[in-house]
Amino acid sequence: MTITYAIEDGIGADEFVDVLKRSGLAERRSVNKADVIRDMVENADLVVTARDDDGRLIGVARSVTDFAYCCYLSDLAVDQDFQRWGIGSELMRRTKDAGGGDKISLV
């Protein structure tokens, strides 16, 4: 299986909720509040995704950043069926690179 990573501007709220549920993170997020989830996705500065061969979202790193000093990684979710594959680590690495590389702190 090939995992495809990308920086995406427009993941949908439903797709985001789906991966949160499959990751186990949904228990700590407002997944039943559509307006909150929509705003979380739309107002993120940086969203890095991992998708399987079928294009299904299996991992997401959602961040708020100034692209100069710091990048706050507010959500890191990986489908439980794909955990321990290094996907979370790769999402974090790509988030740091896209957020400013060595000049920023990933928090």
PDB file of N, CA and C in Angstrom:
ATOM      1  N   MET A   1       0.839  -1.179   0.000  1.00  0.00           N
ATOM      2  CA  MET A   1       0.000   0.000   0.000  1.00  0.00           C
ATOM      3  C   MET A   1       0.882   1.239   0.000  1.00  0.00           C
ATOM      4  N   THR A   2       0.474   2.219  -0.793  1.00  0.00           N
ATOM      5  CA  THR A   2       1.169   3.496  -0.852  1.00  0.00           C
ATOM      6  C   THR A   2       0.387   4.520  -0.045  1.00  0.00           C
ATOM      7  N   ILE A   3       1.093   5.242   0.808  1.00  0.00           N
ATOM      8  CA  ILE A   3       0.495   6.337   1.574  1.00  0.00           C
ATOM      9  C   ILE A   3       0.887   7.629   0.866  1.00  0.00           C
ATOM     10  N   THR A   4      -0.102   8.447   0.544  1.00  0.00           N
ATOM     11  CA  THR A   4       0.141   9.725  -0.125  1.00  0.00           C
ATOM     12  C   THR A   4      -0.052  10.857   0.875  1.00  0.00           C
ATOM     13  N   TYR A   5       0.976  11.680   1.005  1.00  0.00           N
ATOM     14  CA  TYR A   5       0.937  12.830   1.912  1.00  0.00           C
ATOM     15  C   TYR A   5       0.757  14.101   1.093  1.00  0.00           C
ATOM     16  N   ALA A   6       0.019  15.061   1.643  1.00  0.00           N
ATOM     17  CA  ALA A   6      -0.203  16.321   0.940  1.00  0.00           C
ATOM     18  C   ALA A   6      -0.571  17.419   1.929  1.00  0.00           C
ATOM     19  N   ILE A   7      -0.340  18.640   1.491  1.00  0.00           N
ATOM     20  CA  ILE A   7      -0.868  19.805   2.192  1.00  0.00           C
ATOM     21  C   ILE A   7      -2.186  20.109   1.497  1.00  0.00           C
ATOM     22  N   GLU A   8      -3.263  20.144   2.274  1.00  0.00           N
ATOM     23  CA  GLU A   8      -4.591  20.340   1.686  1.00  0.00           C
ATOM     24  C   GLU A   8      -5.275  21.543   2.310  1.00  0.00           C
ATOM     25  N   ASP A   9      -5.949  22.302   1.464  1.00  0.00           N
ATOM     26  CA  ASP A   9      -6.710  23.456   1.934  1.00  0.00           C
ATOM     27  C   ASP A   9      -8.150  23.109   2.251  1.00  0.00           C
ATOM     28  N   GLY A  10      -8.689  22.112   1.557  1.00  0.00           N
ATOM     29  CA  GLY A  10     -10.126  21.944   1.633  1.00  0.00           C
ATOM     30  C   GLY A  10     -10.638  20.594   2.069  1.00  0.00           C
ATOM     31  N   ILE A  11     -10.111  20.032   3.158  1.00  0.00           N
ATOM     32  CA  ILE A  11     -10.755  18.798   3.608  1.00  0.00           C
ATOM     33  C   ILE A  11     -12.101  19.163   4.215  1.00  0.00           C
ATOM     34  N   GLY A  12     -13.051  18.304   4.034  1.00  0.00           N
ATOM     35  CA  GLY A  12     -14.387  18.573   4.543  1.00  0.00           C
ATOM     36  C   GLY A  12     -14.529  18.219   6.005  1.00  0.00           C
ATOM     37  N   ALA A  13     -15.492  18.846   6.643  1.00  0.00           N
ATOM     38  CA  ALA A  13     -15.748  18.591   8.060  1.00  0.00           C
ATOM     39  C   ALA A  13     -16.135  17.128   8.293  1.00  0.00           C
ATOM     40  N   ASP A  14     -16.935  16.553   7.394  1.00  0.00           N
ATOM     41  CA  ASP A  14     -17.356  15.159   7.543  1.00  0.00           C
ATOM     42  C   ASP A  14     -16.151  14.214   7.451  1.00  0.00           C
ATOM     43  N   GLU A  15     -15.266  14.497   6.532  1.00  0.00           N
ATOM     44  CA  GLU A  15     -14.067  13.675   6.365  1.00  0.00           C
ATOM     45  C   GLU A  15     -13.164  13.794   7.596  1.00  0.00           C
ATOM     46  N   PHE A  16     -13.061  14.999   8.140  1.00  0.00           N
ATOM     47  CA  PHE A  16     -12.263  15.240   9.341  1.00  0.00           C
ATOM     48  C   PHE A  16     -12.843  14.470  10.529  1.00  0.00           C
ATOM     49  N   VAL A  17     -14.148  14.556  10.717  1.00  0.00           N
ATOM     50  CA  VAL A  17     -14.814  13.837  11.811  1.00  0.00           C
ATOM     51  C   VAL A  17     -14.617  12.331  11.654  1.00  0.00           C
ATOM     52  N   ASP A  18     -14.717  11.837  10.433  1.00  0.00           N
ATOM     53  CA  ASP A  18     -14.554  10.408  10.181  1.00  0.00           C
ATOM     54  C   ASP A  18     -13.180   9.912  10.635  1.00  0.00           C
ATOM     55  N   VAL A  19     -12.121  10.634  10.286  1.00  0.00           N
ATOM     56  CA  VAL A  19     -10.789  10.185  10.703  1.00  0.00           C
ATOM     57  C   VAL A  19     -10.596  10.382  12.208  1.00  0.00           C
ATOM     58  N   LEU A  20     -11.210  11.400  12.787  1.00  0.00           N
ATOM     59  CA  LEU A  20     -11.134  11.551  14.246  1.00  0.00           C
ATOM     60  C   LEU A  20     -11.767  10.347  14.943  1.00  0.00           C
ATOM     61  N   LYS A  21     -12.902   9.902  14.427  1.00  0.00           N
ATOM     62  CA  LYS A  21     -13.566   8.735  15.014  1.00  0.00           C
ATOM     63  C   LYS A  21     -12.724   7.485  14.847  1.00  0.00           C
ATOM     64  N   ARG A  22     -12.164   7.270  13.654  1.00  0.00           N
ATOM     65  CA  ARG A  22     -11.369   6.068  13.402  1.00  0.00           C
ATOM     66  C   ARG A  22     -10.038   6.081  14.145  1.00  0.00           C
ATOM     67  N   SER A  23      -9.607   7.267  14.587  1.00  0.00           N
ATOM     68  CA  SER A  23      -8.343   7.371  15.320  1.00  0.00           C
ATOM     69  C   SER A  23      -8.524   7.211  16.826  1.00  0.00           C
ATOM     70  N   GLY A  24      -9.741   7.424  17.310  1.00  0.00           N
ATOM     71  CA  GLY A  24      -9.989   7.419  18.745  1.00  0.00           C
ATOM     72  C   GLY A  24      -9.943   8.814  19.357  1.00  0.00           C
ATOM     73  N   LEU A  25      -9.585   9.825  18.568  1.00  0.00           N
ATOM     74  CA  LEU A  25      -9.478  11.195  19.069  1.00  0.00           C
ATOM     75  C   LEU A  25     -10.838  11.883  19.210  1.00  0.00           C
ATOM     76  N   ALA A  26     -11.862  11.333  18.590  1.00  0.00           N
ATOM     77  CA  ALA A  26     -13.188  11.966  18.606  1.00  0.00           C
ATOM     78  C   ALA A  26     -13.734  12.141  20.019  1.00  0.00           C
ATOM     79  N   GLU A  27     -13.329  11.282  20.921  1.00  0.00           N
ATOM     80  CA  GLU A  27     -13.817  11.369  22.303  1.00  0.00           C
ATOM     81  C   GLU A  27     -13.401  12.678  22.968  1.00  0.00           C
ATOM     82  N   ARG A  28     -12.337  13.310  22.453  1.00  0.00           N
ATOM     83  CA  ARG A  28     -11.832  14.548  23.049  1.00  0.00           C
ATOM     84  C   ARG A  28     -12.060  15.765  22.157  1.00  0.00           C
ATOM     85  N   ARG A  29     -12.926  15.629  21.175  1.00  0.00           N
ATOM     86  CA  ARG A  29     -13.234  16.729  20.262  1.00  0.00           C
ATOM     87  C   ARG A  29     -14.742  16.887  20.150  1.00  0.00           C
ATOM     88  N   SER A  30     -15.179  18.060  19.712  1.00  0.00           N
ATOM     89  CA  SER A  30     -16.610  18.387  19.595  1.00  0.00           C
ATOM     90  C   SER A  30     -17.192  17.871  18.282  1.00  0.00           C
ATOM     91  N   VAL A  31     -17.093  16.566  18.055  1.00  0.00           N
ATOM     92  CA  VAL A  31     -17.512  16.006  16.764  1.00  0.00           C
ATOM     93  C   VAL A  31     -19.010  16.114  16.515  1.00  0.00           C
ATOM     94  N   ASN A  32     -19.803  16.347  17.548  1.00  0.00           N
ATOM     95  CA  ASN A  32     -21.250  16.475  17.373  1.00  0.00           C
ATOM     96  C   ASN A  32     -21.691  17.917  17.168  1.00  0.00           C
ATOM     97  N   LYS A  33     -20.738  18.831  17.111  1.00  0.00           N
ATOM     98  CA  LYS A  33     -21.040  20.243  16.882  1.00  0.00           C
ATOM     99  C   LYS A  33     -20.502  20.620  15.511  1.00  0.00           C
ATOM    100  N   ALA A  34     -21.361  20.498  14.511  1.00  0.00           N
ATOM    101  CA  ALA A  34     -20.952  20.693  13.117  1.00  0.00           C
ATOM    102  C   ALA A  34     -20.308  22.056  12.872  1.00  0.00           C
ATOM    103  N   ASP A  35     -20.851  23.098  13.509  1.00  0.00           N
ATOM    104  CA  ASP A  35     -20.297  24.438  13.292  1.00  0.00           C
ATOM    105  C   ASP A  35     -18.885  24.564  13.866  1.00  0.00           C
ATOM    106  N   VAL A  36     -18.639  23.940  14.987  1.00  0.00           N
ATOM    107  CA  VAL A  36     -17.306  23.979  15.596  1.00  0.00           C
ATOM    108  C   VAL A  36     -16.307  23.228  14.721  1.00  0.00           C
ATOM    109  N   ILE A  37     -16.673  22.035  14.293  1.00  0.00           N
ATOM    110  CA  ILE A  37     -15.790  21.233  13.434  1.00  0.00           C
ATOM    111  C   ILE A  37     -15.516  21.965  12.130  1.00  0.00           C
ATOM    112  N   ARG A  38     -16.539  22.527  11.525  1.00  0.00           N
ATOM    113  CA  ARG A  38     -16.363  23.271  10.273  1.00  0.00           C
ATOM    114  C   ARG A  38     -15.370  24.413  10.468  1.00  0.00           C
ATOM    115  N   ASP A  39     -15.526  25.163  11.549  1.00  0.00           N
ATOM    116  CA  ASP A  39     -14.614  26.273  11.817  1.00  0.00           C
ATOM    117  C   ASP A  39     -13.197  25.783  12.114  1.00  0.00           C
ATOM    118  N   MET A  40     -13.085  24.657  12.797  1.00  0.00           N
ATOM    119  CA  MET A  40     -11.755  24.096  13.074  1.00  0.00           C
ATOM    120  C   MET A  40     -11.014  23.801  11.776  1.00  0.00           C
ATOM    121  N   VAL A  41     -11.710  23.215  10.820  1.00  0.00           N
ATOM    122  CA  VAL A  41     -11.091  22.850   9.541  1.00  0.00           C
ATOM    123  C   VAL A  41     -10.829  24.095   8.693  1.00  0.00           C
ATOM    124  N   GLU A  42     -11.832  24.967   8.594  1.00  0.00           N
ATOM    125  CA  GLU A  42     -11.698  26.136   7.720  1.00  0.00           C
ATOM    126  C   GLU A  42     -10.681  27.152   8.228  1.00  0.00           C
ATOM    127  N   ASN A  43     -10.490  27.249   9.530  1.00  0.00           N
ATOM    128  CA  ASN A  43      -9.605  28.269  10.086  1.00  0.00           C
ATOM    129  C   ASN A  43      -8.197  27.774  10.406  1.00  0.00           C
ATOM    130  N   ALA A  44      -7.916  26.534  10.111  1.00  0.00           N
ATOM    131  CA  ALA A  44      -6.555  26.024  10.303  1.00  0.00           C
ATOM    132  C   ALA A  44      -5.629  26.696   9.293  1.00  0.00           C
ATOM    133  N   ASP A  45      -4.414  27.012   9.726  1.00  0.00           N
ATOM    134  CA  ASP A  45      -3.432  27.608   8.822  1.00  0.00           C
ATOM    135  C   ASP A  45      -2.754  26.555   7.957  1.00  0.00           C
ATOM    136  N   LEU A  46      -2.665  25.335   8.480  1.00  0.00           N
ATOM    137  CA  LEU A  46      -1.921  24.289   7.788  1.00  0.00           C
ATOM    138  C   LEU A  46      -2.554  22.938   8.087  1.00  0.00           C
ATOM    139  N   VAL A  47      -2.912  22.207   7.041  1.00  0.00           N
ATOM    140  CA  VAL A  47      -3.463  20.861   7.190  1.00  0.00           C
ATOM    141  C   VAL A  47      -2.640  19.929   6.309  1.00  0.00           C
ATOM    142  N   VAL A  48      -1.991  18.958   6.951  1.00  0.00           N
ATOM    143  CA  VAL A  48      -1.212  17.948   6.240  1.00  0.00           C
ATOM    144  C   VAL A  48      -1.979  16.632   6.372  1.00  0.00           C
ATOM    145  N   THR A  49      -2.138  15.941   5.267  1.00  0.00           N
ATOM    146  CA  THR A  49      -2.953  14.726   5.258  1.00  0.00           C
ATOM    147  C   THR A  49      -2.160  13.511   4.795  1.00  0.00           C
ATOM    148  N   ALA A  50      -2.684  12.357   5.168  1.00  0.00           N
ATOM    149  CA  ALA A  50      -2.201  11.070   4.665  1.00  0.00           C
ATOM    150  C   ALA A  50      -3.418  10.337   4.124  1.00  0.00           C
ATOM    151  N   ARG A  51      -3.278   9.804   2.911  1.00  0.00           N
ATOM    152  CA  ARG A  51      -4.385   9.085   2.272  1.00  0.00           C
ATOM    153  C   ARG A  51      -3.901   7.730   1.780  1.00  0.00           C
ATOM    154  N   ASP A  52      -4.822   6.755   1.793  1.00  0.00           N
ATOM    155  CA  ASP A  52      -4.487   5.417   1.308  1.00  0.00           C
ATOM    156  C   ASP A  52      -4.635   5.361  -0.213  1.00  0.00           C
ATOM    157  N   ASP A  53      -4.463   4.186  -0.784  1.00  0.00           N
ATOM    158  CA  ASP A  53      -4.533   4.010  -2.238  1.00  0.00           C
ATOM    159  C   ASP A  53      -5.878   4.419  -2.833  1.00  0.00           C
ATOM    160  N   ASP A  54      -6.938   4.333  -2.045  1.00  0.00           N
ATOM    161  CA  ASP A  54      -8.272   4.682  -2.510  1.00  0.00           C
ATOM    162  C   ASP A  54      -8.600   6.160  -2.305  1.00  0.00           C
ATOM    163  N   GLY A  55      -7.655   6.919  -1.737  1.00  0.00           N
ATOM    164  CA  GLY A  55      -7.876   8.333  -1.481  1.00  0.00           C
ATOM    165  C   GLY A  55      -8.567   8.620  -0.166  1.00  0.00           C
ATOM    166  N   ARG A  56      -8.789   7.582   0.625  1.00  0.00           N
ATOM    167  CA  ARG A  56      -9.453   7.770   1.924  1.00  0.00           C
ATOM    168  C   ARG A  56      -8.490   8.416   2.904  1.00  0.00           C
ATOM    169  N   LEU A  57      -8.963   9.413   3.631  1.00  0.00           N
ATOM    170  CA  LEU A  57      -8.161  10.098   4.639  1.00  0.00           C
ATOM    171  C   LEU A  57      -7.878   9.143   5.793  1.00  0.00           C
ATOM    172  N   ILE A  58      -6.600   8.858   6.033  1.00  0.00           N
ATOM    173  CA  ILE A  58      -6.232   7.955   7.124  1.00  0.00           C
ATOM    174  C   ILE A  58      -5.409   8.655   8.190  1.00  0.00           C
ATOM    175  N   GLY A  59      -4.995   9.895   7.912  1.00  0.00           N
ATOM    176  CA  GLY A  59      -4.248  10.658   8.896  1.00  0.00           C
ATOM    177  C   GLY A  59      -4.326  12.134   8.595  1.00  0.00           C
ATOM    178  N   VAL A  60      -4.309  12.946   9.655  1.00  0.00           N
ATOM    179  CA  VAL A  60      -4.372  14.397   9.482  1.00  0.00           C
ATOM    180  C   VAL A  60      -3.609  15.084  10.609  1.00  0.00           C
ATOM    181  N   ALA A  61      -2.893  16.132  10.236  1.00  0.00           N
ATOM    182  CA  ALA A  61      -2.240  17.023  11.197  1.00  0.00           C
ATOM    183  C   ALA A  61      -2.787  18.418  10.914  1.00  0.00           C
ATOM    184  N   ARG A  62      -3.495  18.981  11.888  1.00  0.00           N
ATOM    185  CA  ARG A  62      -4.122  20.299  11.728  1.00  0.00           C
ATOM    186  C   ARG A  62      -3.411  21.281  12.645  1.00  0.00           C
ATOM    187  N   SER A  63      -2.935  22.391  12.056  1.00  0.00           N
ATOM    188  CA  SER A  63      -2.096  23.319  12.819  1.00  0.00           C
ATOM    189  C   SER A  63      -2.493  24.774  12.643  1.00  0.00           C
ATOM    190  N   VAL A  64      -2.129  25.558  13.652  1.00  0.00           N
ATOM    191  CA  VAL A  64      -2.209  27.010  13.611  1.00  0.00           C
ATOM    192  C   VAL A  64      -0.769  27.498  13.686  1.00  0.00           C
ATOM    193  N   THR A  65      -0.373  28.359  12.733  1.00  0.00           N
ATOM    194  CA  THR A  65       1.025  28.773  12.679  1.00  0.00           C
ATOM    195  C   THR A  65       1.167  30.181  12.132  1.00  0.00           C
ATOM    196  N   ASP A  66       2.290  30.817  12.472  1.00  0.00           N
ATOM    197  CA  ASP A  66       2.629  32.111  11.884  1.00  0.00           C
ATOM    198  C   ASP A  66       3.675  31.948  10.780  1.00  0.00           C
ATOM    199  N   PHE A  67       4.122  30.717  10.530  1.00  0.00           N
ATOM    200  CA  PHE A  67       5.101  30.375   9.510  1.00  0.00           C
ATOM    201  C   PHE A  67       6.446  31.079   9.718  1.00  0.00           C
ATOM    202  N   ALA A  68       6.670  31.610  10.929  1.00  0.00           N
ATOM    203  CA  ALA A  68       7.906  32.340  11.183  1.00  0.00           C
ATOM    204  C   ALA A  68       8.583  31.911  12.482  1.00  0.00           C
ATOM    205  N   TYR A  69       7.774  31.674  13.525  1.00  0.00           N
ATOM    206  CA  TYR A  69       8.340  31.412  14.837  1.00  0.00           C
ATOM    207  C   TYR A  69       7.849  30.099  15.445  1.00  0.00           C
ATOM    208  N   CYS A  70       6.530  29.875  15.384  1.00  0.00           N
ATOM    209  CA  CYS A  70       6.005  28.654  15.986  1.00  0.00           C
ATOM    210  C   CYS A  70       4.838  28.092  15.183  1.00  0.00           C
ATOM    211  N   CYS A  71       4.634  26.811  15.390  1.00  0.00           N
ATOM    212  CA  CYS A  71       3.532  26.100  14.757  1.00  0.00           C
ATOM    213  C   CYS A  71       2.906  25.224  15.837  1.00  0.00           C
ATOM    214  N   TYR A  72       1.643  25.502  16.154  1.00  0.00           N
ATOM    215  CA  TYR A  72       0.920  24.736  17.161  1.00  0.00           C
ATOM    216  C   TYR A  72       0.148  23.621  16.467  1.00  0.00           C
ATOM    217  N   LEU A  73       0.593  22.402  16.664  1.00  0.00           N
ATOM    218  CA  LEU A  73      -0.054  21.222  16.088  1.00  0.00           C
ATOM    219  C   LEU A  73      -1.217  20.848  17.002  1.00  0.00           C
ATOM    220  N   SER A  74      -2.409  21.273  16.621  1.00  0.00           N
ATOM    221  CA  SER A  74      -3.559  21.128  17.512  1.00  0.00           C
ATOM    222  C   SER A  74      -4.270  19.789  17.390  1.00  0.00           C
ATOM    223  N   ASP A  75      -4.170  19.128  16.241  1.00  0.00           N
ATOM    224  CA  ASP A  75      -4.761  17.802  16.070  1.00  0.00           C
ATOM    225  C   ASP A  75      -3.814  16.930  15.258  1.00  0.00           C
ATOM    226  N   LEU A  76      -3.544  15.757  15.780  1.00  0.00           N
ATOM    227  CA  LEU A  76      -2.792  14.740  15.055  1.00  0.00           C
ATOM    228  C   LEU A  76      -3.577  13.450  15.215  1.00  0.00           C
ATOM    229  N   ALA A  77      -4.196  13.001  14.128  1.00  0.00           N
ATOM    230  CA  ALA A  77      -5.058  11.821  14.178  1.00  0.00           C
ATOM    231  C   ALA A  77      -4.662  10.845  13.073  1.00  0.00           C
ATOM    232  N   VAL A  78      -4.532   9.577  13.450  1.00  0.00           N
ATOM    233  CA  VAL A  78      -4.246   8.516  12.484  1.00  0.00           C
ATOM    234  C   VAL A  78      -5.229   7.376  12.747  1.00  0.00           C
ATOM    235  N   ASP A  79      -5.879   6.935  11.688  1.00  0.00           N
ATOM    236  CA  ASP A  79      -6.790   5.795  11.748  1.00  0.00           C
ATOM    237  C   ASP A  79      -6.118   4.660  12.534  1.00  0.00           C
ATOM    238  N   GLN A  80      -6.836   4.067  13.483  1.00  0.00           N
ATOM    239  CA  GLN A  80      -6.264   3.007  14.326  1.00  0.00           C
ATOM    240  C   GLN A  80      -5.729   1.827  13.525  1.00  0.00           C
ATOM    241  N   ASP A  81      -6.309   1.558  12.361  1.00  0.00           N
ATOM    242  CA  ASP A  81      -5.819   0.461  11.516  1.00  0.00           C
ATOM    243  C   ASP A  81      -4.449   0.751  10.915  1.00  0.00           C
ATOM    244  N   PHE A  82      -4.026   2.021  10.952  1.00  0.00           N
ATOM    245  CA  PHE A  82      -2.755   2.422  10.354  1.00  0.00           C
ATOM    246  C   PHE A  82      -1.761   2.966  11.391  1.00  0.00           C
ATOM    247  N   GLN A  83      -2.120   2.899  12.662  1.00  0.00           N
ATOM    248  CA  GLN A  83      -1.205   3.367  13.693  1.00  0.00           C
ATOM    249  C   GLN A  83      -0.017   2.415  13.798  1.00  0.00           C
ATOM    250  N   ARG A  84       1.113   2.961  14.183  1.00  0.00           N
ATOM    251  CA  ARG A  84       2.387   2.252  14.301  1.00  0.00           C
ATOM    252  C   ARG A  84       3.018   1.962  12.937  1.00  0.00           C
ATOM    253  N   TRP A  85       2.586   2.705  11.923  1.00  0.00           N
ATOM    254  CA  TRP A  85       3.186   2.618  10.592  1.00  0.00           C
ATOM    255  C   TRP A  85       4.140   3.787  10.351  1.00  0.00           C
ATOM    256  N   GLY A  86       4.260   4.699  11.317  1.00  0.00           N
ATOM    257  CA  GLY A  86       5.104   5.881  11.158  1.00  0.00           C
ATOM    258  C   GLY A  86       4.381   7.052  10.512  1.00  0.00           C
ATOM    259  N   ILE A  87       3.072   6.935  10.322  1.00  0.00           N
ATOM    260  CA  ILE A  87       2.302   7.986   9.655  1.00  0.00           C
ATOM    261  C   ILE A  87       2.250   9.249  10.508  1.00  0.00           C
ATOM    262  N   GLY A  88       2.019   9.111  11.786  1.00  0.00           N
ATOM    263  CA  GLY A  88       1.981  10.281  12.666  1.00  0.00           C
ATOM    264  C   GLY A  88       3.307  11.022  12.672  1.00  0.00           C
ATOM    265  N   SER A  89       4.401  10.295  12.734  1.00  0.00           N
ATOM    266  CA  SER A  89       5.732  10.917  12.706  1.00  0.00           C
ATOM    267  C   SER A  89       5.970  11.645  11.389  1.00  0.00           C
ATOM    268  N   GLU A  90       5.532  11.034  10.306  1.00  0.00           N
ATOM    269  CA  GLU A  90       5.708  11.671   8.994  1.00  0.00           C
ATOM    270  C   GLU A  90       4.828  12.908   8.854  1.00  0.00           C
ATOM    271  N   LEU A  91       3.614  12.853   9.385  1.00  0.00           N
ATOM    272  CA  LEU A  91       2.753  14.033   9.368  1.00  0.00           C
ATOM    273  C   LEU A  91       3.383  15.171  10.168  1.00  0.00           C
ATOM    274  N   MET A  92       3.981  14.850  11.298  1.00  0.00           N
ATOM    275  CA  MET A  92       4.651  15.872  12.109  1.00  0.00           C
ATOM    276  C   MET A  92       5.860  16.448  11.374  1.00  0.00           C
ATOM    277  N   ARG A  93       6.653  15.592  10.736  1.00  0.00           N
ATOM    278  CA  ARG A  93       7.832  16.063   9.993  1.00  0.00           C
ATOM    279  C   ARG A  93       7.414  16.998   8.873  1.00  0.00           C
ATOM    280  N   ARG A  94       6.394  16.598   8.133  1.00  0.00           N
ATOM    281  CA  ARG A  94       5.930  17.418   7.011  1.00  0.00           C
ATOM    282  C   ARG A  94       5.282  18.717   7.501  1.00  0.00           C
ATOM    283  N   THR A  95       4.627  18.673   8.642  1.00  0.00           N
ATOM    284  CA  THR A  95       4.051  19.887   9.225  1.00  0.00           C
ATOM    285  C   THR A  95       5.158  20.874   9.570  1.00  0.00           C
ATOM    286  N   LYS A  96       6.209  20.401  10.213  1.00  0.00           N
ATOM    287  CA  LYS A  96       7.329  21.278  10.565  1.00  0.00           C
ATOM    288  C   LYS A  96       7.965  21.872   9.314  1.00  0.00           C
ATOM    289  N   ASP A  97       8.194  21.054   8.295  1.00  0.00           N
ATOM    290  CA  ASP A  97       8.776  21.549   7.046  1.00  0.00           C
ATOM    291  C   ASP A  97       7.891  22.618   6.403  1.00  0.00           C
ATOM    292  N   ALA A  98       6.598  22.340   6.301  1.00  0.00           N
ATOM    293  CA  ALA A  98       5.680  23.278   5.656  1.00  0.00           C
ATOM    294  C   ALA A  98       5.448  24.529   6.494  1.00  0.00           C
ATOM    295  N   GLY A  99       5.583  24.392   7.808  1.00  0.00           N
ATOM    296  CA  GLY A  99       5.349  25.519   8.707  1.00  0.00           C
ATOM    297  C   GLY A  99       6.515  26.474   8.819  1.00  0.00           C
ATOM    298  N   GLY A 100       7.655  26.103   8.272  1.00  0.00           N
ATOM    299  CA  GLY A 100       8.811  27.002   8.335  1.00  0.00           C
ATOM    300  C   GLY A 100      10.131  26.300   8.551  1.00  0.00           C
ATOM    301  N   GLY A 101      10.093  24.973   8.661  1.00  0.00           N
ATOM    302  CA  GLY A 101      11.335  24.210   8.809  1.00  0.00           C
ATOM    303  C   GLY A 101      12.049  24.475  10.127  1.00  0.00           C
ATOM    304  N   ASP A 102      13.357  24.592  10.050  1.00  0.00           N
ATOM    305  CA  ASP A 102      14.170  24.748  11.256  1.00  0.00           C
ATOM    306  C   ASP A 102      13.996  26.083  11.961  1.00  0.00           C
ATOM    307  N   LYS A 103      13.410  27.064  11.289  1.00  0.00           N
ATOM    308  CA  LYS A 103      13.246  28.376  11.920  1.00  0.00           C
ATOM    309  C   LYS A 103      12.055  28.418  12.886  1.00  0.00           C
ATOM    310  N   ILE A 104      11.197  27.401  12.877  1.00  0.00           N
ATOM    311  CA  ILE A 104      10.038  27.416  13.772  1.00  0.00           C
ATOM    312  C   ILE A 104      10.152  26.331  14.842  1.00  0.00           C
ATOM    313  N   SER A 105       9.388  26.515  15.890  1.00  0.00           N
ATOM    314  CA  SER A 105       9.223  25.485  16.910  1.00  0.00           C
ATOM    315  C   SER A 105       7.888  24.819  16.678  1.00  0.00           C
ATOM    316  N   LEU A 106       7.882  23.498  16.633  1.00  0.00           N
ATOM    317  CA  LEU A 106       6.623  22.749  16.523  1.00  0.00           C
ATOM    318  C   LEU A 106       6.172  22.420  17.929  1.00  0.00           C
ATOM    319  N   VAL A 107       5.005  22.948  18.299  1.00  0.00           N
ATOM    320  CA  VAL A 107       4.484  22.790  19.653  1.00  0.00           C
ATOM    321  C   VAL A 107       3.279  21.885  19.609  1.00  0.00           C
TER     322      VAL A 107
END
